Protein backbone atom coordinates (compact mmCIF):
# COMPACT_ATOMS: atom_id res chain seq x y z
CA MET A 1 37.19 79.31 129.96
CA TYR A 2 36.74 77.77 126.50
CA SER A 3 39.78 75.58 127.03
CA LEU A 4 38.44 74.30 130.29
CA TYR A 5 35.17 73.46 128.57
CA ARG A 6 36.92 71.46 125.85
CA SER A 7 38.94 69.51 128.41
CA PHE A 8 35.87 68.64 130.31
CA LEU A 9 34.02 67.48 127.17
CA PHE A 10 36.93 65.29 126.11
CA ILE A 11 37.00 63.56 129.47
CA ILE A 12 33.28 62.83 129.36
CA LEU A 13 33.39 61.39 125.80
CA THR A 14 36.37 59.22 126.64
CA PHE A 15 34.56 57.83 129.65
CA ILE A 16 31.46 57.04 127.61
CA GLY A 17 33.57 55.25 124.97
CA ILE A 18 35.25 53.07 127.57
CA ILE A 19 31.88 52.07 128.98
CA CYS A 20 30.42 51.18 125.49
CA TRP A 21 33.42 49.14 124.42
CA SER A 22 33.35 47.03 127.50
CA THR A 23 29.63 46.22 127.20
CA PRO A 24 28.98 42.57 125.96
CA ALA A 25 26.37 43.62 123.45
CA PHE A 26 29.06 45.45 121.54
CA SER A 27 31.83 42.88 121.79
CA SER A 28 33.44 41.57 118.63
CA SER A 29 32.25 38.03 119.36
CA ASN A 30 28.64 39.12 118.94
CA ARG A 31 29.11 41.21 115.83
CA LEU A 32 27.57 39.88 112.60
CA ASP A 33 29.97 39.43 109.77
CA SER A 34 29.91 37.65 106.48
CA THR A 35 30.60 34.29 108.11
CA ASN A 36 27.70 34.49 110.57
CA ARG A 37 25.02 36.02 108.41
CA GLN A 38 22.10 33.75 107.40
CA THR A 39 21.11 33.67 103.78
CA PHE A 40 17.46 33.67 102.88
CA SER A 41 16.40 32.75 99.28
CA LEU A 42 12.94 33.02 97.86
CA PRO A 43 11.56 29.84 96.14
CA THR A 44 11.67 29.94 92.27
CA PRO A 45 8.14 29.99 90.88
CA PRO A 46 7.37 27.18 88.35
CA LEU A 47 7.44 28.06 84.65
CA PRO A 48 4.08 28.28 82.96
CA PRO A 49 3.23 25.36 80.61
CA THR A 50 4.25 25.72 76.97
CA PRO A 51 1.23 26.84 74.96
CA PRO A 52 0.21 24.66 72.00
CA PRO A 53 1.58 25.82 68.60
CA LEU A 54 -0.57 28.13 66.62
CA PRO A 55 -2.09 26.64 63.46
CA SER A 56 -0.02 27.31 60.35
CA LEU A 57 -1.33 29.80 57.87
CA HIS A 58 0.01 27.47 55.12
CA PRO A 59 -0.93 23.94 56.14
CA THR A 60 1.33 21.22 54.81
CA GLN A 61 -0.18 19.43 51.87
CA PRO A 62 -0.46 15.67 52.25
CA SER A 63 2.23 13.83 50.34
CA LYS A 64 1.14 12.35 47.04
CA PRO A 65 1.31 8.60 46.75
CA SER A 66 4.25 7.46 44.67
CA LEU A 67 3.36 6.32 41.18
CA PRO A 68 4.27 2.78 40.21
CA SER A 69 7.31 2.53 37.96
CA VAL A 70 6.53 2.08 34.28
CA PRO A 71 8.38 -0.83 32.72
CA THR A 72 10.41 -0.17 29.59
CA PRO A 73 8.25 -1.19 26.63
CA PRO A 74 9.57 -3.89 24.32
CA PRO A 75 10.75 -2.87 20.85
CA ASN A 76 7.86 -1.84 18.64
CA PRO A 77 7.43 -4.51 15.96
CA LEU A 78 6.02 -1.83 13.65
CA GLU A 79 9.19 0.25 13.69
CA TRP A 80 11.30 0.12 10.54
CA LEU A 81 14.62 -1.70 10.85
CA ILE A 82 15.91 0.34 7.97
CA GLU A 83 14.79 3.46 6.12
CA GLU A 84 17.38 3.94 3.43
CA SER A 85 17.50 6.79 0.93
CA PHE A 86 21.01 5.91 -0.35
CA SER A 87 22.10 9.53 0.00
CA SER A 88 24.99 8.85 2.39
CA PRO A 89 27.18 5.88 3.41
CA ASN A 90 25.48 3.18 5.46
CA THR A 91 27.75 0.54 6.98
CA SER A 92 24.81 -1.80 7.58
CA LEU A 93 24.52 -2.42 3.83
CA THR A 94 26.87 -4.59 1.78
CA TYR A 95 27.19 -4.12 -2.00
CA ASN A 96 28.41 -6.97 -4.16
CA GLY A 97 29.33 -7.51 -7.81
CA SER A 98 28.19 -4.64 -10.02
CA ALA A 99 26.03 -3.01 -7.31
CA TYR A 100 27.00 0.36 -5.84
CA PRO A 101 25.38 3.36 -4.09
CA ASP A 102 25.09 6.59 -6.04
CA TYR A 103 25.12 9.25 -3.33
CA THR A 104 24.75 12.01 -5.93
CA THR A 105 21.33 10.83 -7.08
CA GLY A 106 20.44 9.07 -3.82
CA GLU A 107 19.91 5.64 -5.38
CA ALA A 108 21.34 2.13 -5.33
CA VAL A 109 22.35 0.81 -8.75
CA LEU A 110 22.35 -2.98 -9.06
CA THR A 111 23.66 -3.43 -12.63
CA GLN A 112 25.61 -1.22 -15.02
CA ALA A 113 26.26 -0.88 -18.73
CA THR A 114 29.53 -2.80 -18.43
CA GLY A 115 31.24 -5.07 -15.95
CA ALA A 116 29.82 -7.92 -13.90
CA TYR A 117 26.61 -9.62 -14.97
CA ALA A 118 25.16 -9.66 -11.45
CA GLY A 119 24.90 -7.35 -8.47
CA SER A 120 23.40 -7.51 -4.99
CA LEU A 121 23.04 -5.58 -1.78
CA PHE A 122 22.01 -7.02 1.60
CA PHE A 123 21.18 -5.67 5.03
CA GLU A 124 23.53 -6.86 7.79
CA LYS A 125 20.71 -7.79 10.23
CA THR A 126 18.43 -10.77 9.75
CA VAL A 127 14.64 -10.57 9.68
CA ASN A 128 12.01 -13.17 10.47
CA THR A 129 9.40 -13.99 7.86
CA THR A 130 6.76 -14.49 10.54
CA HIS A 131 5.82 -10.92 9.70
CA THR A 132 8.00 -8.97 7.30
CA VAL A 133 7.11 -5.83 5.37
CA SER A 134 9.32 -4.23 2.74
CA GLU A 135 8.66 -1.08 0.72
CA PHE A 136 10.86 0.45 -1.96
CA ASP A 137 10.89 2.35 -5.22
CA PHE A 138 12.49 1.04 -8.40
CA ARG A 139 13.26 2.30 -11.85
CA ILE A 140 14.48 0.26 -14.84
CA GLU A 141 16.47 1.88 -17.63
CA VAL A 142 16.99 -0.08 -20.85
CA LEU A 143 20.66 -0.07 -21.89
CA ASP A 144 20.54 -2.66 -24.70
CA GLN A 145 17.29 -3.43 -26.53
CA PRO A 146 15.25 -5.43 -25.73
CA GLY A 147 16.68 -5.15 -22.22
CA ALA A 148 17.34 -7.89 -19.65
CA ASP A 149 17.08 -9.59 -17.32
CA GLY A 150 15.51 -8.63 -14.01
CA PHE A 151 15.96 -8.06 -10.28
CA THR A 152 14.59 -9.51 -7.03
CA PHE A 153 13.79 -8.57 -3.49
CA ALA A 154 15.05 -11.60 -1.59
CA ILE A 155 15.24 -12.97 1.95
CA LEU A 156 17.80 -15.76 2.18
CA GLN A 157 18.79 -18.10 4.99
CA GLY A 158 22.22 -19.69 5.19
CA VAL A 159 24.08 -16.86 3.45
CA ASP A 160 25.84 -13.73 4.64
CA PRO A 161 25.45 -10.17 3.28
CA THR A 162 28.20 -10.79 0.69
CA TYR A 163 26.05 -13.29 -1.17
CA LEU A 164 25.88 -12.98 -4.97
CA GLY A 165 24.25 -15.46 -7.33
CA ASN A 166 24.61 -15.95 -11.05
CA GLY A 167 23.70 -13.34 -13.70
CA GLY A 168 21.34 -13.63 -16.65
CA ALA A 169 18.08 -15.48 -16.01
CA ASP A 170 19.25 -16.32 -12.47
CA LEU A 171 18.84 -12.61 -11.62
CA GLY A 172 21.80 -12.60 -9.24
CA TYR A 173 19.67 -14.80 -6.97
CA THR A 174 20.14 -18.45 -7.96
CA PRO A 175 23.59 -19.81 -7.14
CA ILE A 176 25.74 -21.80 -9.54
CA PRO A 177 26.15 -24.64 -8.78
CA PRO A 178 22.81 -25.23 -7.03
CA SER A 179 22.90 -25.28 -3.25
CA THR A 180 20.56 -25.79 -0.34
CA ILE A 181 19.85 -22.11 0.23
CA LYS A 182 16.52 -21.57 1.90
CA GLY A 183 14.55 -18.44 1.17
CA LEU A 184 12.23 -16.68 -1.18
CA ALA A 185 12.50 -13.97 -3.78
CA ILE A 186 10.04 -11.63 -5.47
CA GLU A 187 11.28 -11.15 -9.02
CA PHE A 188 10.64 -8.26 -11.39
CA ASP A 189 11.56 -9.75 -14.74
CA THR A 190 11.90 -7.93 -18.07
CA HIS A 191 13.14 -10.70 -20.37
CA ASN A 192 11.43 -13.72 -21.88
CA ASN A 193 13.41 -16.81 -20.91
CA TYR A 194 10.64 -19.07 -22.17
CA GLY A 195 9.74 -21.84 -19.73
CA VAL A 196 11.66 -20.20 -16.91
CA ASP A 197 9.47 -17.11 -16.99
CA ALA A 198 6.13 -18.44 -18.26
CA TYR A 199 6.98 -16.94 -21.68
CA SER A 200 6.61 -13.37 -20.41
CA ASP A 201 9.07 -10.48 -20.77
CA ASN A 202 7.22 -8.27 -18.27
CA HIS A 203 6.09 -9.93 -15.06
CA VAL A 204 6.32 -10.23 -11.29
CA GLY A 205 6.87 -13.68 -9.78
CA VAL A 206 7.54 -15.58 -6.55
CA ASN A 207 10.58 -17.88 -6.35
CA ILE A 208 11.12 -20.39 -3.55
CA ASN A 209 14.53 -21.35 -2.16
CA GLU A 210 17.30 -21.14 -4.80
CA SER A 211 15.12 -21.91 -7.83
CA HIS A 212 14.73 -19.33 -10.59
CA TYR A 213 11.48 -20.99 -11.69
CA SER A 214 8.60 -18.91 -10.38
CA VAL A 215 5.81 -20.76 -8.55
CA ILE A 216 3.40 -17.98 -9.49
CA THR A 217 3.63 -15.02 -11.87
CA SER A 218 1.58 -11.99 -12.82
CA SER A 219 1.98 -10.16 -16.11
CA THR A 220 -1.18 -8.06 -15.85
CA LEU A 221 0.65 -4.87 -15.06
CA PRO A 222 2.18 -1.82 -16.79
CA ARG A 223 5.45 -2.04 -18.66
CA LEU A 224 8.24 -2.08 -16.06
CA GLU A 225 11.06 -0.78 -18.29
CA ASP A 226 11.48 2.93 -19.02
CA ASN A 227 8.15 3.77 -17.43
CA GLY A 228 8.93 6.01 -14.49
CA THR A 229 9.26 5.05 -10.84
CA PHE A 230 7.25 2.19 -9.37
CA HIS A 231 6.50 1.81 -5.67
CA VAL A 232 6.39 -1.72 -4.23
CA GLU A 233 4.91 -3.10 -1.00
CA ILE A 234 5.65 -6.70 -0.06
CA VAL A 235 3.95 -8.35 2.95
CA ILE A 236 5.02 -11.76 4.24
CA LYS A 237 3.13 -13.40 7.11
CA ASN A 238 4.00 -16.65 8.86
CA GLY A 239 6.26 -17.46 5.94
CA LYS A 240 3.19 -18.63 4.06
CA ILE A 241 1.42 -15.56 2.66
CA VAL A 242 2.96 -13.20 0.18
CA GLY A 243 1.07 -10.06 -0.82
CA ILE A 244 2.69 -7.86 -3.50
CA TYR A 245 1.36 -4.37 -4.25
CA LEU A 246 2.48 -2.12 -7.09
CA SER A 247 1.79 1.54 -7.92
CA ASN A 248 3.18 4.26 -10.19
CA ASP A 249 2.07 7.86 -9.78
CA SER A 250 3.84 9.03 -12.93
CA ILE A 251 1.50 6.94 -15.11
CA ASN A 252 -1.54 7.15 -12.79
CA TYR A 253 -1.32 3.47 -11.90
CA PRO A 254 -3.04 3.10 -8.50
CA ARG A 255 -1.95 0.79 -5.72
CA THR A 256 -2.82 -2.67 -7.00
CA GLN A 257 -2.29 -6.12 -5.53
CA VAL A 258 -0.59 -8.04 -8.33
CA ILE A 259 0.08 -11.29 -6.44
CA SER A 260 -1.39 -13.04 -3.40
CA TYR A 261 0.30 -16.38 -2.76
CA HIS A 262 -0.45 -19.03 -0.14
CA SER A 263 1.56 -22.20 0.29
CA ASP A 264 2.04 -24.65 3.15
CA SER A 265 5.51 -25.40 1.80
CA LEU A 266 6.72 -22.06 3.15
CA GLU A 267 7.68 -21.85 6.82
CA SER A 268 8.92 -18.93 8.88
CA PHE A 269 12.69 -18.46 8.95
CA TRP A 270 15.40 -15.92 9.70
CA GLY A 271 17.38 -14.53 6.79
CA HIS A 272 19.20 -11.57 5.29
CA ALA A 273 17.03 -9.25 3.21
CA GLY A 274 18.20 -7.36 0.15
CA PHE A 275 18.17 -7.07 -3.62
CA THR A 276 19.77 -9.02 -6.44
CA ALA A 277 19.89 -8.40 -10.20
CA GLY A 278 21.26 -10.08 -13.29
CA VAL A 279 21.92 -9.18 -16.92
CA GLY A 280 23.21 -11.12 -19.92
CA ALA A 281 23.76 -10.35 -23.57
CA PHE A 282 21.27 -7.50 -23.13
CA ARG A 283 21.43 -5.15 -20.22
CA ASN A 284 19.21 -2.98 -18.10
CA ARG A 285 20.15 -0.66 -15.25
CA PHE A 286 18.12 -1.68 -12.19
CA ILE A 287 17.83 1.14 -9.65
CA ILE A 288 16.46 0.96 -6.07
CA ASP A 289 15.49 3.87 -3.82
CA ASN A 290 13.66 4.67 -0.56
CA TRP A 291 13.94 1.19 0.91
CA LYS A 292 12.11 0.48 4.18
CA LEU A 293 12.12 -2.85 6.00
CA ARG A 294 10.61 -4.24 9.19
């Protein structure tokens, strides 16, 4: 009985399947597949506008205006060209004749007990007498009584730093034979050469060009020989004004102007600055220290 029932059910299901397969609604031509399906896409919503930036908690500082460039200043006319203590070699100085630097004592010695009768030292650069200032210390030691002759601070045109004049009363300054050297010299003389030195064996004078005859002298001052260290200031302006100041702390001699000289015959010029000294039958040792020049 159960077998008959199964056979009958199989027949019915087979019949139903045949009927469904043959119906147009279920044919393969009407089935949806991947090639016949319609695609539906939703529209993309627009992006919201970008919000403005938030204010910074550290606002940017405004840029500072640029400062104008500062031009390089010209050389200071008040600066010293040389500040020499003579304690070490200085190639800008030239020593001639009997002159030499004593690095042990830190001094420049212009004349000695023996040897040449004249000595000089000059600075390699030239200076203009429109406005020249020179300061230095000097000491004079008597080697042969009564001592002689003297030394100068000189500015000479037309010579080089190897220049050396004649000894004796010419103080290493005046050339032999005479020449056309232009310049001036401040002499510190310790020997009486009669008419040459206004009959004074202790004076300061001004000499023009190559002449050893002073155009002006001053003997109202302390003894220059064996009297400690003197300090000198020499001021030259426009080549026409010479102011000479002398002081000596060791003898309580205050800063004193010993000469003020004005002459229209002097004109400004360029020249080498330095020192000259001369001795003769009698000798002194002329010593220079702490030289400054501008």
